[in-house]
PDB file of all heavy atoms in Angstrom:
ATOM      1  N   ALA A   1     188.728 -41.847  32.593  1.00  0.00           N
ATOM      2  CA  ALA A   1     188.063 -42.699  33.664  1.00  0.00           C
ATOM      3  C   ALA A   1     187.453 -43.999  33.178  1.00  0.00           C
ATOM      4  O   ALA A   1     187.456 -45.042  33.725  1.00  0.00           O
ATOM      5  CB  ALA A   1     186.910 -41.902  34.296  1.00  0.00           C
ATOM      6  N   VAL A   2     186.919 -43.849  31.837  1.00  0.00           N
ATOM      7  CA  VAL A   2     186.220 -45.023  31.236  1.00  0.00           C
ATOM      8  C   VAL A   2     187.300 -46.073  30.773  1.00  0.00           C
ATOM      9  O   VAL A   2     186.939 -47.289  30.957  1.00  0.00           O
ATOM     10  CB  VAL A   2     185.376 -44.486  30.003  1.00  0.00           C
ATOM     11  CG1 VAL A   2     184.908 -45.726  29.179  1.00  0.00           C
ATOM     12  CG2 VAL A   2     184.226 -43.676  30.512  1.00  0.00           C
ATOM     13  N   GLY A   3     188.405 -45.635  30.257  1.00  0.00           N
ATOM     14  CA  GLY A   3     189.357 -46.554  29.675  1.00  0.00           C
ATOM     15  C   GLY A   3     189.843 -47.588  30.664  1.00  0.00           C
ATOM     16  O   GLY A   3     189.750 -48.751  30.381  1.00  0.00           O
ATOM     17  N   PRO A   4     190.437 -47.194  31.815  1.00  0.00           N
ATOM     18  CA  PRO A   4     190.958 -48.190  32.763  1.00  0.00           C
ATOM     19  C   PRO A   4     189.810 -49.072  33.332  1.00  0.00           C
ATOM     20  O   PRO A   4     190.084 -50.303  33.576  1.00  0.00           O
ATOM     21  CB  PRO A   4     191.568 -47.305  33.897  1.00  0.00           C
ATOM     22  CG  PRO A   4     191.869 -46.042  33.259  1.00  0.00           C
ATOM     23  CD  PRO A   4     190.900 -45.801  32.152  1.00  0.00           C
ATOM     24  N   LEU A   5     188.591 -48.511  33.505  1.00  0.00           N
ATOM     25  CA  LEU A   5     187.519 -49.305  33.895  1.00  0.00           C
ATOM     26  C   LEU A   5     187.127 -50.395  32.937  1.00  0.00           C
ATOM     27  O   LEU A   5     186.926 -51.561  33.343  1.00  0.00           O
ATOM     28  CB  LEU A   5     186.346 -48.315  34.157  1.00  0.00           C
ATOM     29  CG  LEU A   5     185.098 -49.099  34.786  1.00  0.00           C
ATOM     30  CD1 LEU A   5     185.492 -49.566  36.209  1.00  0.00           C
ATOM     31  CD2 LEU A   5     183.961 -48.081  34.941  1.00  0.00           C
ATOM     32  N   LEU A   6     187.070 -50.031  31.580  1.00  0.00           N
ATOM     33  CA  LEU A   6     186.811 -51.142  30.578  1.00  0.00           C
ATOM     34  C   LEU A   6     187.877 -52.122  30.495  1.00  0.00           C
ATOM     35  O   LEU A   6     187.601 -53.312  30.252  1.00  0.00           O
ATOM     36  CB  LEU A   6     186.562 -50.359  29.298  1.00  0.00           C
ATOM     37  CG  LEU A   6     185.226 -49.577  28.974  1.00  0.00           C
ATOM     38  CD1 LEU A   6     185.353 -48.905  27.661  1.00  0.00           C
ATOM     39  CD2 LEU A   6     184.094 -50.532  29.098  1.00  0.00           C
ATOM     40  N   THR A   7     189.187 -51.548  30.631  1.00  0.00           N
ATOM     41  CA  THR A   7     190.239 -52.585  30.521  1.00  0.00           C
ATOM     42  C   THR A   7     190.147 -53.661  31.531  1.00  0.00           C
ATOM     43  O   THR A   7     190.534 -54.790  31.223  1.00  0.00           O
ATOM     44  CB  THR A   7     191.592 -51.783  30.669  1.00  0.00           C
ATOM     45  OG1 THR A   7     191.692 -50.836  29.702  1.00  0.00           O
ATOM     46  CG2 THR A   7     192.741 -52.742  30.573  1.00  0.00           C
ATOM     47  N   GLY A   8     189.721 -53.328  32.702  1.00  0.00           N
ATOM     48  CA  GLY A   8     189.584 -54.485  33.807  1.00  0.00           C
ATOM     49  C   GLY A   8     188.629 -55.494  33.282  1.00  0.00           C
ATOM     50  O   GLY A   8     189.027 -56.639  33.497  1.00  0.00           O
ATOM     51  N   PHE A   9     187.524 -55.133  32.684  1.00  0.00           N
ATOM     52  CA  PHE A   9     186.565 -56.115  32.257  1.00  0.00           C
ATOM     53  C   PHE A   9     186.993 -56.868  30.985  1.00  0.00           C
ATOM     54  O   PHE A   9     186.961 -58.063  30.927  1.00  0.00           O
ATOM     55  CB  PHE A   9     185.252 -55.383  31.941  1.00  0.00           C
ATOM     56  CG  PHE A   9     184.603 -54.909  33.196  1.00  0.00           C
ATOM     57  CD1 PHE A   9     184.475 -53.587  33.412  1.00  0.00           C
ATOM     58  CD2 PHE A   9     184.057 -55.778  34.175  1.00  0.00           C
ATOM     59  CE1 PHE A   9     183.871 -53.045  34.561  1.00  0.00           C
ATOM     60  CE2 PHE A   9     183.433 -55.261  35.337  1.00  0.00           C
ATOM     61  CZ  PHE A   9     183.326 -53.857  35.567  1.00  0.00           C
ATOM     62  N   VAL A  10     187.582 -56.045  30.047  1.00  0.00           N
ATOM     63  CA  VAL A  10     187.996 -56.658  28.770  1.00  0.00           C
ATOM     64  C   VAL A  10     189.146 -57.711  28.935  1.00  0.00           C
ATOM     65  O   VAL A  10     189.172 -58.749  28.427  1.00  0.00           O
ATOM     66  CB  VAL A  10     188.412 -55.591  27.745  1.00  0.00           C
ATOM     67  CG1 VAL A  10     188.941 -56.144  26.478  1.00  0.00           C
ATOM     68  CG2 VAL A  10     187.197 -54.717  27.409  1.00  0.00           C
ATOM     69  N   SER A  11     190.157 -57.315  29.766  1.00  0.00           N
ATOM     70  CA  SER A  11     191.327 -58.120  30.057  1.00  0.00           C
ATOM     71  C   SER A  11     190.905 -59.392  30.669  1.00  0.00           C
ATOM     72  O   SER A  11     191.505 -60.565  30.508  1.00  0.00           O
ATOM     73  CB  SER A  11     192.343 -57.414  30.885  1.00  0.00           C
ATOM     74  OG  SER A  11     191.885 -57.039  32.037  1.00  0.00           O
ATOM     75  N   GLN A  12     189.879 -59.313  31.614  1.00  0.00           N
ATOM     76  CA  GLN A  12     189.443 -60.468  32.398  1.00  0.00           C
ATOM     77  C   GLN A  12     188.617 -61.524  31.510  1.00  0.00           C
ATOM     78  O   GLN A  12     188.836 -62.726  31.611  1.00  0.00           O
ATOM     79  CB  GLN A  12     188.605 -60.081  33.540  1.00  0.00           C
ATOM     80  CG  GLN A  12     188.132 -61.281  34.441  1.00  0.00           C
ATOM     81  CD  GLN A  12     187.396 -60.786  35.707  1.00  0.00           C
ATOM     82  OE1 GLN A  12     187.287 -59.560  35.887  1.00  0.00           O
ATOM     83  NE2 GLN A  12     187.018 -61.789  36.494  1.00  0.00           N
ATOM     84  N   TRP A  13     187.744 -60.909  30.680  1.00  0.00           N
ATOM     85  CA  TRP A  13     186.818 -61.806  29.880  1.00  0.00           C
ATOM     86  C   TRP A  13     187.220 -62.073  28.469  1.00  0.00           C
ATOM     87  O   TRP A  13     186.792 -63.021  27.884  1.00  0.00           O
ATOM     88  CB  TRP A  13     185.441 -61.139  29.937  1.00  0.00           C
ATOM     89  CG  TRP A  13     184.881 -61.024  31.363  1.00  0.00           C
ATOM     90  CD1 TRP A  13     184.681 -59.863  31.981  1.00  0.00           C
ATOM     91  CD2 TRP A  13     184.415 -62.046  32.166  1.00  0.00           C
ATOM     92  NE1 TRP A  13     184.224 -60.030  33.298  1.00  0.00           N
ATOM     93  CE2 TRP A  13     183.995 -61.344  33.381  1.00  0.00           C
ATOM     94  CE3 TRP A  13     184.307 -63.429  32.136  1.00  0.00           C
ATOM     95  CZ2 TRP A  13     183.534 -62.142  34.472  1.00  0.00           C
ATOM     96  CZ3 TRP A  13     183.748 -64.157  33.155  1.00  0.00           C
ATOM     97  CH2 TRP A  13     183.398 -63.487  34.278  1.00  0.00           C
ATOM     98  N   ALA A  14     188.010 -61.203  27.888  1.00  0.00           N
ATOM     99  CA  ALA A  14     188.360 -61.391  26.499  1.00  0.00           C
ATOM    100  C   ALA A  14     189.870 -61.360  26.152  1.00  0.00           C
ATOM    101  O   ALA A  14     190.243 -61.617  25.079  1.00  0.00           O
ATOM    102  CB  ALA A  14     187.766 -60.191  25.616  1.00  0.00           C
ATOM    103  N   GLY A  15     190.714 -61.122  27.195  1.00  0.00           N
ATOM    104  CA  GLY A  15     192.174 -61.305  26.970  1.00  0.00           C
ATOM    105  C   GLY A  15     192.823 -59.936  26.668  1.00  0.00           C
ATOM    106  O   GLY A  15     192.164 -59.003  26.269  1.00  0.00           O
ATOM    107  N   TRP A  16     194.112 -59.858  26.802  1.00  0.00           N
ATOM    108  CA  TRP A  16     194.860 -58.668  26.534  1.00  0.00           C
ATOM    109  C   TRP A  16     194.894 -58.239  25.068  1.00  0.00           C
ATOM    110  O   TRP A  16     195.073 -57.066  24.770  1.00  0.00           O
ATOM    111  CB  TRP A  16     196.327 -58.790  27.117  1.00  0.00           C
ATOM    112  CG  TRP A  16     196.314 -58.479  28.560  1.00  0.00           C
ATOM    113  CD1 TRP A  16     196.427 -59.508  29.533  1.00  0.00           C
ATOM    114  CD2 TRP A  16     196.195 -57.273  29.211  1.00  0.00           C
ATOM    115  NE1 TRP A  16     196.406 -58.965  30.794  1.00  0.00           N
ATOM    116  CE2 TRP A  16     196.302 -57.598  30.689  1.00  0.00           C
ATOM    117  CE3 TRP A  16     196.034 -55.970  28.932  1.00  0.00           C
ATOM    118  CZ2 TRP A  16     196.137 -56.604  31.686  1.00  0.00           C
ATOM    119  CZ3 TRP A  16     196.021 -55.012  29.850  1.00  0.00           C
ATOM    120  CH2 TRP A  16     196.072 -55.298  31.181  1.00  0.00           C
ATOM    121  N   HIS A  17     194.837 -59.185  24.237  1.00  0.00           N
ATOM    122  CA  HIS A  17     194.846 -58.813  22.751  1.00  0.00           C
ATOM    123  C   HIS A  17     193.658 -57.892  22.367  1.00  0.00           C
ATOM    124  O   HIS A  17     193.781 -56.892  21.691  1.00  0.00           O
ATOM    125  CB  HIS A  17     194.868 -60.016  21.893  1.00  0.00           C
ATOM    126  CG  HIS A  17     196.022 -60.769  21.853  1.00  0.00           C
ATOM    127  ND1 HIS A  17     197.346 -60.204  21.500  1.00  0.00           N
ATOM    128  CD2 HIS A  17     196.409 -62.022  21.989  1.00  0.00           C
ATOM    129  CE1 HIS A  17     198.330 -61.069  21.480  1.00  0.00           C
ATOM    130  NE2 HIS A  17     197.821 -62.310  21.864  1.00  0.00           N
ATOM    131  N   ASN A  18     192.517 -58.189  22.952  1.00  0.00           N
ATOM    132  CA  ASN A  18     191.285 -57.406  22.739  1.00  0.00           C
ATOM    133  C   ASN A  18     191.407 -56.014  23.409  1.00  0.00           C
ATOM    134  O   ASN A  18     190.816 -55.092  23.010  1.00  0.00           O
ATOM    135  CB  ASN A  18     190.045 -58.151  23.204  1.00  0.00           C
ATOM    136  CG  ASN A  18     189.786 -59.296  22.311  1.00  0.00           C
ATOM    137  OD1 ASN A  18     189.431 -59.083  21.069  1.00  0.00           O
ATOM    138  ND2 ASN A  18     189.818 -60.484  22.783  1.00  0.00           N
ATOM    139  N   VAL A  19     192.102 -55.897  24.567  1.00  0.00           N
ATOM    140  CA  VAL A  19     192.443 -54.639  25.139  1.00  0.00           C
ATOM    141  C   VAL A  19     193.135 -53.677  24.156  1.00  0.00           C
ATOM    142  O   VAL A  19     192.777 -52.447  23.989  1.00  0.00           O
ATOM    143  CB  VAL A  19     193.242 -54.768  26.443  1.00  0.00           C
ATOM    144  CG1 VAL A  19     193.609 -53.370  26.931  1.00  0.00           C
ATOM    145  CG2 VAL A  19     192.392 -55.506  27.556  1.00  0.00           C
ATOM    146  N   PHE A  20     194.214 -54.296  23.516  1.00  0.00           N
ATOM    147  CA  PHE A  20     194.921 -53.533  22.464  1.00  0.00           C
ATOM    148  C   PHE A  20     194.074 -53.197  21.224  1.00  0.00           C
ATOM    149  O   PHE A  20     194.193 -52.102  20.670  1.00  0.00           O
ATOM    150  CB  PHE A  20     196.243 -54.165  22.150  1.00  0.00           C
ATOM    151  CG  PHE A  20     197.282 -54.018  23.115  1.00  0.00           C
ATOM    152  CD1 PHE A  20     197.419 -54.703  24.235  1.00  0.00           C
ATOM    153  CD2 PHE A  20     198.207 -52.861  22.987  1.00  0.00           C
ATOM    154  CE1 PHE A  20     198.485 -54.326  25.191  1.00  0.00           C
ATOM    155  CE2 PHE A  20     199.247 -52.601  23.785  1.00  0.00           C
ATOM    156  CZ  PHE A  20     199.337 -53.442  24.954  1.00  0.00           C
ATOM    157  N   TYR A  21     193.161 -54.081  20.844  1.00  0.00           N
ATOM    158  CA  TYR A  21     192.202 -53.722  19.812  1.00  0.00           C
ATOM    159  C   TYR A  21     191.330 -52.555  20.181  1.00  0.00           C
ATOM    160  O   TYR A  21     190.989 -51.668  19.354  1.00  0.00           O
ATOM    161  CB  TYR A  21     191.449 -55.031  19.389  1.00  0.00           C
ATOM    162  CG  TYR A  21     192.087 -55.981  18.611  1.00  0.00           C
ATOM    163  CD1 TYR A  21     192.005 -57.349  18.962  1.00  0.00           C
ATOM    164  CD2 TYR A  21     192.886 -55.671  17.559  1.00  0.00           C
ATOM    165  CE1 TYR A  21     192.751 -58.326  18.190  1.00  0.00           C
ATOM    166  CE2 TYR A  21     193.624 -56.622  16.817  1.00  0.00           C
ATOM    167  CZ  TYR A  21     193.486 -57.906  17.162  1.00  0.00           C
ATOM    168  OH  TYR A  21     194.296 -58.847  16.412  1.00  0.00           O
ATOM    169  N   MET A  22     190.883 -52.607  21.452  1.00  0.00           N
ATOM    170  CA  MET A  22     190.058 -51.452  21.945  1.00  0.00           C
ATOM    171  C   MET A  22     190.841 -50.140  21.849  1.00  0.00           C
ATOM    172  O   MET A  22     190.290 -49.083  21.475  1.00  0.00           O
ATOM    173  CB  MET A  22     189.676 -51.745  23.460  1.00  0.00           C
ATOM    174  CG  MET A  22     188.845 -50.709  24.061  1.00  0.00           C
ATOM    175  SD  MET A  22     188.556 -50.982  25.848  1.00  0.00           S
ATOM    176  CE  MET A  22     190.166 -50.480  26.505  1.00  0.00           C
ATOM    177  N   LEU A  23     192.108 -50.179  22.260  1.00  0.00           N
ATOM    178  CA  LEU A  23     192.912 -48.975  22.224  1.00  0.00           C
ATOM    179  C   LEU A  23     193.171 -48.520  20.823  1.00  0.00           C
ATOM    180  O   LEU A  23     193.104 -47.290  20.487  1.00  0.00           O
ATOM    181  CB  LEU A  23     194.280 -49.295  22.974  1.00  0.00           C
ATOM    182  CG  LEU A  23     194.211 -49.686  24.366  1.00  0.00           C
ATOM    183  CD1 LEU A  23     195.583 -49.714  25.023  1.00  0.00           C
ATOM    184  CD2 LEU A  23     193.410 -48.560  25.281  1.00  0.00           C
ATOM    185  N   MET A  24     193.404 -49.358  19.922  1.00  0.00           N
ATOM    186  CA  MET A  24     193.575 -48.999  18.577  1.00  0.00           C
ATOM    187  C   MET A  24     192.223 -48.396  17.921  1.00  0.00           C
ATOM    188  O   MET A  24     192.355 -47.454  17.139  1.00  0.00           O
ATOM    189  CB  MET A  24     194.086 -50.176  17.585  1.00  0.00           C
ATOM    190  CG  MET A  24     195.565 -50.668  17.899  1.00  0.00           C
ATOM    191  SD  MET A  24     196.121 -51.987  16.887  1.00  0.00           S
ATOM    192  CE  MET A  24     195.492 -53.451  17.856  1.00  0.00           C
ATOM    193  N   PHE A  25     191.156 -49.045  18.277  1.00  0.00           N
ATOM    194  CA  PHE A  25     189.842 -48.459  17.824  1.00  0.00           C
ATOM    195  C   PHE A  25     189.631 -47.037  18.321  1.00  0.00           C
ATOM    196  O   PHE A  25     189.131 -46.276  17.752  1.00  0.00           O
ATOM    197  CB  PHE A  25     188.735 -49.375  18.224  1.00  0.00           C
ATOM    198  CG  PHE A  25     187.272 -48.977  17.778  1.00  0.00           C
ATOM    199  CD1 PHE A  25     187.112 -48.987  16.419  1.00  0.00           C
ATOM    200  CD2 PHE A  25     186.482 -48.593  18.666  1.00  0.00           C
ATOM    201  CE1 PHE A  25     185.810 -48.559  15.986  1.00  0.00           C
ATOM    202  CE2 PHE A  25     185.185 -48.259  18.309  1.00  0.00           C
ATOM    203  CZ  PHE A  25     184.814 -48.144  16.874  1.00  0.00           C
ATOM    204  N   ALA A  26     190.030 -46.834  19.669  1.00  0.00           N
ATOM    205  CA  ALA A  26     189.814 -45.584  20.289  1.00  0.00           C
ATOM    206  C   ALA A  26     190.739 -44.469  19.556  1.00  0.00           C
ATOM    207  O   ALA A  26     190.291 -43.436  19.400  1.00  0.00           O
ATOM    208  CB  ALA A  26     190.150 -45.731  21.718  1.00  0.00           C
ATOM    209  N   ASN A  27     191.891 -44.945  19.249  1.00  0.00           N
ATOM    210  CA  ASN A  27     192.790 -43.970  18.467  1.00  0.00           C
ATOM    211  C   ASN A  27     192.189 -43.590  17.137  1.00  0.00           C
ATOM    212  O   ASN A  27     192.298 -42.538  16.634  1.00  0.00           O
ATOM    213  CB  ASN A  27     194.154 -44.522  18.251  1.00  0.00           C
ATOM    214  CG  ASN A  27     195.128 -43.980  19.182  1.00  0.00           C
ATOM    215  OD1 ASN A  27     194.930 -43.001  19.972  1.00  0.00           O
ATOM    216  ND2 ASN A  27     196.333 -44.648  19.257  1.00  0.00           N
ATOM    217  N   ALA A  28     191.509 -44.617  16.492  1.00  0.00           N
ATOM    218  CA  ALA A  28     190.879 -44.453  15.235  1.00  0.00           C
ATOM    219  C   ALA A  28     189.762 -43.411  15.298  1.00  0.00           C
ATOM    220  O   ALA A  28     189.610 -42.565  14.494  1.00  0.00           O
ATOM    221  CB  ALA A  28     190.477 -45.654  14.632  1.00  0.00           C
ATOM    222  N   LEU A  29     189.043 -43.544  16.409  1.00  0.00           N
ATOM    223  CA  LEU A  29     187.881 -42.577  16.702  1.00  0.00           C
ATOM    224  C   LEU A  29     188.358 -41.210  16.889  1.00  0.00           C
ATOM    225  O   LEU A  29     187.783 -40.202  16.523  1.00  0.00           O
ATOM    226  CB  LEU A  29     186.996 -43.191  17.783  1.00  0.00           C
ATOM    227  CG  LEU A  29     186.161 -44.346  17.523  1.00  0.00           C
ATOM    228  CD1 LEU A  29     185.427 -44.769  18.783  1.00  0.00           C
ATOM    229  CD2 LEU A  29     185.136 -44.113  16.384  1.00  0.00           C
ATOM    230  N   ALA A  30     189.508 -41.125  17.662  1.00  0.00           N
ATOM    231  CA  ALA A  30     190.167 -39.761  17.869  1.00  0.00           C
ATOM    232  C   ALA A  30     190.487 -39.183  16.590  1.00  0.00           C
ATOM    233  O   ALA A  30     190.224 -37.932  16.416  1.00  0.00           O
ATOM    234  CB  ALA A  30     191.337 -39.878  18.790  1.00  0.00           C
ATOM    235  N   LEU A  31     190.913 -39.900  15.617  1.00  0.00           N
ATOM    236  CA  LEU A  31     191.340 -39.424  14.296  1.00  0.00           C
ATOM    237  C   LEU A  31     190.028 -38.912  13.513  1.00  0.00           C
ATOM    238  O   LEU A  31     190.094 -37.874  12.920  1.00  0.00           O
ATOM    239  CB  LEU A  31     191.993 -40.532  13.433  1.00  0.00           C
ATOM    240  CG  LEU A  31     193.471 -40.609  13.527  1.00  0.00           C
ATOM    241  CD1 LEU A  31     193.923 -41.948  12.868  1.00  0.00           C
ATOM    242  CD2 LEU A  31     194.095 -39.462  12.919  1.00  0.00           C
ATOM    243  N   VAL A  32     188.941 -39.680  13.659  1.00  0.00           N
ATOM    244  CA  VAL A  32     187.758 -39.302  12.989  1.00  0.00           C
ATOM    245  C   VAL A  32     187.179 -37.993  13.497  1.00  0.00           C
ATOM    246  O   VAL A  32     186.797 -37.173  12.591  1.00  0.00           O
ATOM    247  CB  VAL A  32     186.617 -40.434  13.272  1.00  0.00           C
ATOM    248  CG1 VAL A  32     185.298 -39.958  12.655  1.00  0.00           C
ATOM    249  CG2 VAL A  32     186.988 -41.745  12.482  1.00  0.00           C
ATOM    250  N   PHE A  33     187.178 -37.743  14.747  1.00  0.00           N
ATOM    251  CA  PHE A  33     186.686 -36.493  15.253  1.00  0.00           C
ATOM    252  C   PHE A  33     187.601 -35.225  14.871  1.00  0.00           C
ATOM    253  O   PHE A  33     187.103 -34.157  14.894  1.00  0.00           O
ATOM    254  CB  PHE A  33     186.589 -36.564  16.807  1.00  0.00           C
ATOM    255  CG  PHE A  33     185.418 -37.302  17.202  1.00  0.00           C
ATOM    256  CD1 PHE A  33     185.424 -38.497  17.782  1.00  0.00           C
ATOM    257  CD2 PHE A  33     184.129 -36.745  17.088  1.00  0.00           C
ATOM    258  CE1 PHE A  33     184.274 -39.238  18.154  1.00  0.00           C
ATOM    259  CE2 PHE A  33     182.913 -37.319  17.427  1.00  0.00           C
ATOM    260  CZ  PHE A  33     183.032 -38.468  18.088  1.00  0.00           C
ATOM    261  N   LEU A  34     188.838 -35.569  14.493  1.00  0.00           N
ATOM    262  CA  LEU A  34     189.646 -34.469  14.089  1.00  0.00           C
ATOM    263  C   LEU A  34     189.645 -34.265  12.557  1.00  0.00           C
ATOM    264  O   LEU A  34     190.280 -33.250  12.000  1.00  0.00           O
ATOM    265  CB  LEU A  34     191.076 -34.842  14.469  1.00  0.00           C
ATOM    266  CG  LEU A  34     191.591 -34.592  15.873  1.00  0.00           C
ATOM    267  CD1 LEU A  34     192.995 -35.016  16.061  1.00  0.00           C
ATOM    268  CD2 LEU A  34     191.358 -33.100  16.335  1.00  0.00           C
ATOM    269  N   SER A  35     188.947 -35.132  11.781  1.00  0.00           N
ATOM    270  CA  SER A  35     189.086 -35.026  10.400  1.00  0.00           C
ATOM    271  C   SER A  35     188.638 -33.749   9.773  1.00  0.00           C
ATOM    272  O   SER A  35     189.251 -33.271   8.876  1.00  0.00           O
ATOM    273  CB  SER A  35     188.149 -36.261   9.795  1.00  0.00           C
ATOM    274  OG  SER A  35     186.812 -36.086  10.219  1.00  0.00           O
ATOM    275  N   ARG A  36     187.559 -33.129  10.224  1.00  0.00           N
ATOM    276  CA  ARG A  36     187.095 -31.910   9.698  1.00  0.00           C
ATOM    277  C   ARG A  36     188.119 -30.792  10.005  1.00  0.00           C
ATOM    278  O   ARG A  36     188.403 -29.931   9.107  1.00  0.00           O
ATOM    279  CB  ARG A  36     185.731 -31.435  10.374  1.00  0.00           C
ATOM    280  CG  ARG A  36     185.090 -30.201   9.620  1.00  0.00           C
ATOM    281  CD  ARG A  36     183.825 -29.857  10.297  1.00  0.00           C
ATOM    282  NE  ARG A  36     184.047 -29.253  11.606  1.00  0.00           N
ATOM    283  CZ  ARG A  36     184.153 -27.913  11.854  1.00  0.00           C
ATOM    284  NH1 ARG A  36     184.322 -27.065  10.764  1.00  0.00           N
ATOM    285  NH2 ARG A  36     184.352 -27.449  13.022  1.00  0.00           N
TER     286      ARG A  36
END
């Protein structure tokens, strides 16, 4: 629910490149929580 909502704001105010940076950062956080 949060991802598509954030994407609307980020794409409008910061551009689509930053949307993909957000997605890459989210994937990195998913990795961190799996590390243990």
